[in-house]
Amino acid sequence: MLHITIRIFGILFLINCFNFSVLESQINNTIVVKVGSALVTSIDVQNEILTNLVLGKKKITQESVDTSKGFAIKNLISKRIKSIEIEKYKIKDYSKENLREYMENIAKTLDTDVNGLKKIFSINNIDYDIFVNNRRIELLWNTLIYQIYKNQTNVNIIEVKNEVESFTNT
């Protein structure tokens, strides 16, 4: 009987420890900013900071993290606003070719290919999928802005030609 009681106590202890560790991880991921219905969490900020430092080929130190924090939060707020507007206008189309080229160019700046870029992200505990999605948001945002303003654009070819000629004649 004592043996069964010890086992039950042990199982309850393990379950309790598991529950506390889950709670602790939830507490560590706090909401930093609320933008409309979208949230920016501390994990989002961490991912953004690390992404910016790695892509900028900067050393990851506490000082560089602290310096990057404000910029990262502003970037994330901007991305959340763009996401909200993209969703609001139901924008779905973007250039997958532009996305692929962008990823390849980023990889080249780090002297690798896309698979190597994924490994770099993994080594630095950065979510590669979030990075790709952020670029997708930028491309969707460009589509939205173009759709809004495409009918308001008026190019006078003769004026442009005269302007170009005035630059080349000086």
C-alpha atoms as a PDB file:
ATOM      1  CA  MET A   1       0.000   0.000   0.000  1.00  0.00           C
ATOM      2  CA  LEU A   2       2.835   2.406   0.854  1.00  0.00           C
ATOM      3  CA  HIS A   3       4.483   1.553  -2.479  1.00  0.00           C
ATOM      4  CA  ILE A   4       1.302   2.511  -4.412  1.00  0.00           C
ATOM      5  CA  THR A   5       0.945   5.749  -2.432  1.00  0.00           C
ATOM      6  CA  ILE A   6       4.543   6.712  -3.254  1.00  0.00           C
ATOM      7  CA  ARG A   7       3.935   6.000  -6.954  1.00  0.00           C
ATOM      8  CA  ILE A   8       0.747   8.077  -6.994  1.00  0.00           C
ATOM      9  CA  PHE A   9       2.535  10.902  -5.164  1.00  0.00           C
ATOM     10  CA  GLY A  10       5.397  10.690  -7.692  1.00  0.00           C
ATOM     11  CA  ILE A  11       3.009  10.826 -10.657  1.00  0.00           C
ATOM     12  CA  LEU A  12       1.125  13.781  -9.158  1.00  0.00           C
ATOM     13  CA  PHE A  13       4.434  15.512  -8.482  1.00  0.00           C
ATOM     14  CA  LEU A  14       5.532  15.070 -12.109  1.00  0.00           C
ATOM     15  CA  ILE A  15       2.181  16.309 -13.429  1.00  0.00           C
ATOM     16  CA  ASN A  16       2.396  19.316 -11.121  1.00  0.00           C
ATOM     17  CA  CYS A  17       5.951  20.097 -12.277  1.00  0.00           C
ATOM     18  CA  PHE A  18       4.839  19.820 -15.908  1.00  0.00           C
ATOM     19  CA  ASN A  19       1.942  22.210 -15.322  1.00  0.00           C
ATOM     20  CA  PHE A  20       4.220  24.771 -13.659  1.00  0.00           C
ATOM     21  CA  SER A  21       6.737  24.606 -16.506  1.00  0.00           C
ATOM     22  CA  VAL A  22       3.928  25.191 -19.030  1.00  0.00           C
ATOM     23  CA  LEU A  23       2.713  28.151 -16.986  1.00  0.00           C
ATOM     24  CA  GLU A  24       6.222  29.554 -16.774  1.00  0.00           C
ATOM     25  CA  SER A  25       6.681  29.386 -20.550  1.00  0.00           C
ATOM     26  CA  GLN A  26       3.332  31.126 -21.023  1.00  0.00           C
ATOM     27  CA  ILE A  27       4.344  33.879 -18.634  1.00  0.00           C
ATOM     28  CA  ASN A  28       7.631  34.408 -20.479  1.00  0.00           C
ATOM     29  CA  ASN A  29       5.739  35.090 -23.705  1.00  0.00           C
ATOM     30  CA  THR A  30       4.086  38.327 -22.706  1.00  0.00           C
ATOM     31  CA  ILE A  31       2.127  40.770 -24.802  1.00  0.00           C
ATOM     32  CA  VAL A  32       4.291  43.771 -25.591  1.00  0.00           C
ATOM     33  CA  VAL A  33       1.904  45.769 -27.790  1.00  0.00           C
ATOM     34  CA  LYS A  34      -1.652  45.387 -29.034  1.00  0.00           C
ATOM     35  CA  VAL A  35      -2.288  46.758 -32.522  1.00  0.00           C
ATOM     36  CA  GLY A  36      -6.013  46.614 -33.233  1.00  0.00           C
ATOM     37  CA  SER A  37      -6.829  42.949 -32.870  1.00  0.00           C
ATOM     38  CA  ALA A  38      -3.231  41.856 -33.483  1.00  0.00           C
ATOM     39  CA  LEU A  39      -0.678  41.242 -30.760  1.00  0.00           C
ATOM     40  CA  VAL A  40       3.082  41.690 -30.589  1.00  0.00           C
ATOM     41  CA  THR A  41       4.592  39.324 -28.045  1.00  0.00           C
ATOM     42  CA  SER A  42       7.976  39.191 -26.407  1.00  0.00           C
ATOM     43  CA  ILE A  43       8.809  36.169 -28.572  1.00  0.00           C
ATOM     44  CA  ASP A  44       7.975  38.219 -31.683  1.00  0.00           C
ATOM     45  CA  VAL A  45      10.316  40.962 -30.461  1.00  0.00           C
ATOM     46  CA  GLN A  46      13.080  38.458 -29.734  1.00  0.00           C
ATOM     47  CA  ASN A  47      12.701  36.881 -33.185  1.00  0.00           C
ATOM     48  CA  GLU A  48      12.740  40.299 -34.881  1.00  0.00           C
ATOM     49  CA  ILE A  49      15.831  41.456 -32.992  1.00  0.00           C
ATOM     50  CA  LEU A  50      17.772  38.282 -33.739  1.00  0.00           C
ATOM     51  CA  THR A  51      16.716  38.371 -37.395  1.00  0.00           C
ATOM     52  CA  ASN A  52      17.902  41.969 -37.770  1.00  0.00           C
ATOM     53  CA  LEU A  53      21.212  41.256 -36.046  1.00  0.00           C
ATOM     54  CA  VAL A  54      21.946  38.106 -38.058  1.00  0.00           C
ATOM     55  CA  LEU A  55      20.984  39.668 -41.386  1.00  0.00           C
ATOM     56  CA  GLY A  56      23.028  42.755 -40.502  1.00  0.00           C
ATOM     57  CA  LYS A  57      25.978  40.471 -39.705  1.00  0.00           C
ATOM     58  CA  LYS A  58      26.160  41.969 -36.221  1.00  0.00           C
ATOM     59  CA  LYS A  59      27.348  40.176 -33.136  1.00  0.00           C
ATOM     60  CA  ILE A  60      24.573  39.100 -30.786  1.00  0.00           C
ATOM     61  CA  THR A  61      25.351  40.717 -27.446  1.00  0.00           C
ATOM     62  CA  GLN A  62      23.141  42.125 -24.723  1.00  0.00           C
ATOM     63  CA  GLU A  63      24.123  45.622 -25.836  1.00  0.00           C
ATOM     64  CA  SER A  64      23.179  44.974 -29.488  1.00  0.00           C
ATOM     65  CA  VAL A  65      19.898  43.375 -28.383  1.00  0.00           C
ATOM     66  CA  ASP A  66      19.065  46.359 -26.160  1.00  0.00           C
ATOM     67  CA  THR A  67      19.962  48.808 -28.934  1.00  0.00           C
ATOM     68  CA  SER A  68      17.764  46.952 -31.444  1.00  0.00           C
ATOM     69  CA  LYS A  69      14.706  46.592 -29.238  1.00  0.00           C
ATOM     70  CA  GLY A  70      12.974  49.893 -30.081  1.00  0.00           C
ATOM     71  CA  PHE A  71      13.531  49.462 -33.811  1.00  0.00           C
ATOM     72  CA  ALA A  72      12.241  45.876 -33.660  1.00  0.00           C
ATOM     73  CA  ILE A  73       9.051  46.908 -31.853  1.00  0.00           C
ATOM     74  CA  LYS A  74       8.375  49.692 -34.390  1.00  0.00           C
ATOM     75  CA  ASN A  75       8.932  47.210 -37.228  1.00  0.00           C
ATOM     76  CA  LEU A  76       6.557  44.713 -35.678  1.00  0.00           C
ATOM     77  CA  ILE A  77       3.868  47.365 -35.153  1.00  0.00           C
ATOM     78  CA  SER A  78       4.205  48.344 -38.807  1.00  0.00           C
ATOM     79  CA  LYS A  79       3.942  44.703 -39.890  1.00  0.00           C
ATOM     80  CA  ARG A  80       0.823  44.172 -37.766  1.00  0.00           C
ATOM     81  CA  ILE A  81      -0.821  47.278 -39.257  1.00  0.00           C
ATOM     82  CA  LYS A  82       0.011  46.052 -42.758  1.00  0.00           C
ATOM     83  CA  SER A  83      -1.381  42.593 -41.953  1.00  0.00           C
ATOM     84  CA  ILE A  84      -4.617  44.099 -40.668  1.00  0.00           C
ATOM     85  CA  GLU A  85      -5.046  46.198 -43.804  1.00  0.00           C
ATOM     86  CA  ILE A  86      -4.157  43.291 -46.098  1.00  0.00           C
ATOM     87  CA  GLU A  87      -6.782  41.185 -44.355  1.00  0.00           C
ATOM     88  CA  LYS A  88      -9.313  44.031 -44.445  1.00  0.00           C
ATOM     89  CA  TYR A  89      -8.933  44.446 -48.224  1.00  0.00           C
ATOM     90  CA  LYS A  90      -8.671  40.660 -48.752  1.00  0.00           C
ATOM     91  CA  ILE A  91      -5.403  40.916 -50.676  1.00  0.00           C
ATOM     92  CA  LYS A  92      -4.198  37.457 -51.701  1.00  0.00           C
ATOM     93  CA  ASP A  93      -1.954  38.035 -54.741  1.00  0.00           C
ATOM     94  CA  TYR A  94       1.770  38.643 -54.610  1.00  0.00           C
ATOM     95  CA  SER A  95       4.748  37.690 -56.717  1.00  0.00           C
ATOM     96  CA  LYS A  96       6.047  34.324 -55.583  1.00  0.00           C
ATOM     97  CA  GLU A  97       8.985  34.921 -57.908  1.00  0.00           C
ATOM     98  CA  ASN A  98       9.850  38.134 -56.030  1.00  0.00           C
ATOM     99  CA  LEU A  99       9.649  36.223 -52.755  1.00  0.00           C
ATOM    100  CA  ARG A 100      11.981  33.505 -54.058  1.00  0.00           C
ATOM    101  CA  GLU A 101      14.451  36.072 -55.440  1.00  0.00           C
ATOM    102  CA  TYR A 102      14.432  37.981 -52.162  1.00  0.00           C
ATOM    103  CA  MET A 103      15.231  34.846 -50.167  1.00  0.00           C
ATOM    104  CA  GLU A 104      18.038  33.964 -52.572  1.00  0.00           C
ATOM    105  CA  ASN A 105      19.487  37.498 -52.348  1.00  0.00           C
ATOM    106  CA  ILE A 106      19.400  37.459 -48.552  1.00  0.00           C
ATOM    107  CA  ALA A 107      21.135  34.083 -48.601  1.00  0.00           C
ATOM    108  CA  LYS A 108      23.814  35.452 -50.962  1.00  0.00           C
ATOM    109  CA  THR A 109      24.546  38.358 -48.612  1.00  0.00           C
ATOM    110  CA  LEU A 110      25.324  35.746 -45.958  1.00  0.00           C
ATOM    111  CA  ASP A 111      27.457  33.724 -48.409  1.00  0.00           C
ATOM    112  CA  THR A 112      25.075  30.763 -48.531  1.00  0.00           C
ATOM    113  CA  ASP A 113      22.019  29.408 -50.321  1.00  0.00           C
ATOM    114  CA  VAL A 114      18.412  29.221 -49.098  1.00  0.00           C
ATOM    115  CA  ASN A 115      19.022  25.925 -47.278  1.00  0.00           C
ATOM    116  CA  GLY A 116      22.074  27.464 -45.614  1.00  0.00           C
ATOM    117  CA  LEU A 117      19.953  30.473 -44.660  1.00  0.00           C
ATOM    118  CA  LYS A 118      17.456  28.145 -42.982  1.00  0.00           C
ATOM    119  CA  LYS A 119      20.324  26.552 -41.050  1.00  0.00           C
ATOM    120  CA  ILE A 120      21.627  29.980 -39.981  1.00  0.00           C
ATOM    121  CA  PHE A 121      18.162  30.836 -38.705  1.00  0.00           C
ATOM    122  CA  SER A 122      17.903  27.518 -36.871  1.00  0.00           C
ATOM    123  CA  ILE A 123      21.344  27.892 -35.242  1.00  0.00           C
ATOM    124  CA  ASN A 124      20.348  31.356 -33.978  1.00  0.00           C
ATOM    125  CA  ASN A 125      16.885  30.209 -32.780  1.00  0.00           C
ATOM    126  CA  ILE A 126      15.118  32.382 -35.339  1.00  0.00           C
ATOM    127  CA  ASP A 127      11.844  31.267 -36.891  1.00  0.00           C
ATOM    128  CA  TYR A 128      12.523  31.134 -40.646  1.00  0.00           C
ATOM    129  CA  ASP A 129       8.815  30.786 -41.468  1.00  0.00           C
ATOM    130  CA  ILE A 130       8.059  34.071 -39.702  1.00  0.00           C
ATOM    131  CA  PHE A 131      10.819  35.727 -41.740  1.00  0.00           C
ATOM    132  CA  VAL A 132       9.318  34.402 -44.998  1.00  0.00           C
ATOM    133  CA  ASN A 133       5.834  35.435 -43.903  1.00  0.00           C
ATOM    134  CA  ASN A 134       7.048  38.948 -43.090  1.00  0.00           C
ATOM    135  CA  ARG A 135       8.409  39.280 -46.616  1.00  0.00           C
ATOM    136  CA  ARG A 136       5.114  37.922 -47.980  1.00  0.00           C
ATOM    137  CA  ILE A 137       3.311  40.628 -45.990  1.00  0.00           C
ATOM    138  CA  GLU A 138       5.534  43.275 -47.606  1.00  0.00           C
ATOM    139  CA  LEU A 139       4.725  41.935 -51.074  1.00  0.00           C
ATOM    140  CA  LEU A 140       0.996  41.803 -50.272  1.00  0.00           C
ATOM    141  CA  TRP A 141       1.240  45.346 -48.917  1.00  0.00           C
ATOM    142  CA  ASN A 142       2.840  46.485 -52.192  1.00  0.00           C
ATOM    143  CA  THR A 143      -0.049  44.867 -54.065  1.00  0.00           C
ATOM    144  CA  LEU A 144      -2.566  46.687 -51.864  1.00  0.00           C
ATOM    145  CA  ILE A 145      -0.911  50.078 -52.316  1.00  0.00           C
ATOM    146  CA  TYR A 146      -0.704  49.547 -56.067  1.00  0.00           C
ATOM    147  CA  GLN A 147      -4.401  48.592 -56.244  1.00  0.00           C
ATOM    148  CA  ILE A 148      -5.402  51.651 -54.242  1.00  0.00           C
ATOM    149  CA  TYR A 149      -3.362  54.128 -56.280  1.00  0.00           C
ATOM    150  CA  LYS A 150      -3.125  52.581 -59.760  1.00  0.00           C
ATOM    151  CA  ASN A 151      -6.012  54.647 -61.123  1.00  0.00           C
ATOM    152  CA  GLN A 152      -4.605  57.840 -59.611  1.00  0.00           C
ATOM    153  CA  THR A 153      -1.338  57.566 -61.473  1.00  0.00           C
ATOM    154  CA  ASN A 154      -0.920  59.777 -64.491  1.00  0.00           C
ATOM    155  CA  VAL A 155       2.363  59.741 -66.347  1.00  0.00           C
ATOM    156  CA  ASN A 156       2.968  62.314 -69.018  1.00  0.00           C
ATOM    157  CA  ILE A 157       5.488  60.639 -71.310  1.00  0.00           C
ATOM    158  CA  ILE A 158       6.437  63.917 -73.012  1.00  0.00           C
ATOM    159  CA  GLU A 159       7.202  65.583 -69.651  1.00  0.00           C
ATOM    160  CA  VAL A 160       9.316  62.638 -68.571  1.00  0.00           C
ATOM    161  CA  LYS A 161      11.185  62.658 -71.885  1.00  0.00           C
ATOM    162  CA  ASN A 162      11.850  66.421 -71.615  1.00  0.00           C
ATOM    163  CA  GLU A 163      13.014  65.994 -68.004  1.00  0.00           C
ATOM    164  CA  VAL A 164      15.426  63.233 -68.985  1.00  0.00           C
ATOM    165  CA  GLU A 165      16.751  65.313 -71.886  1.00  0.00           C
ATOM    166  CA  SER A 166      17.324  68.293 -69.594  1.00  0.00           C
ATOM    167  CA  PHE A 167      19.476  66.106 -67.320  1.00  0.00           C
ATOM    168  CA  THR A 168      21.478  64.674 -70.192  1.00  0.00           C
ATOM    169  CA  ASN A 169      22.125  68.095 -71.788  1.00  0.00           C
ATOM    170  CA  THR A 170      23.663  69.632 -68.672  1.00  0.00           C
END
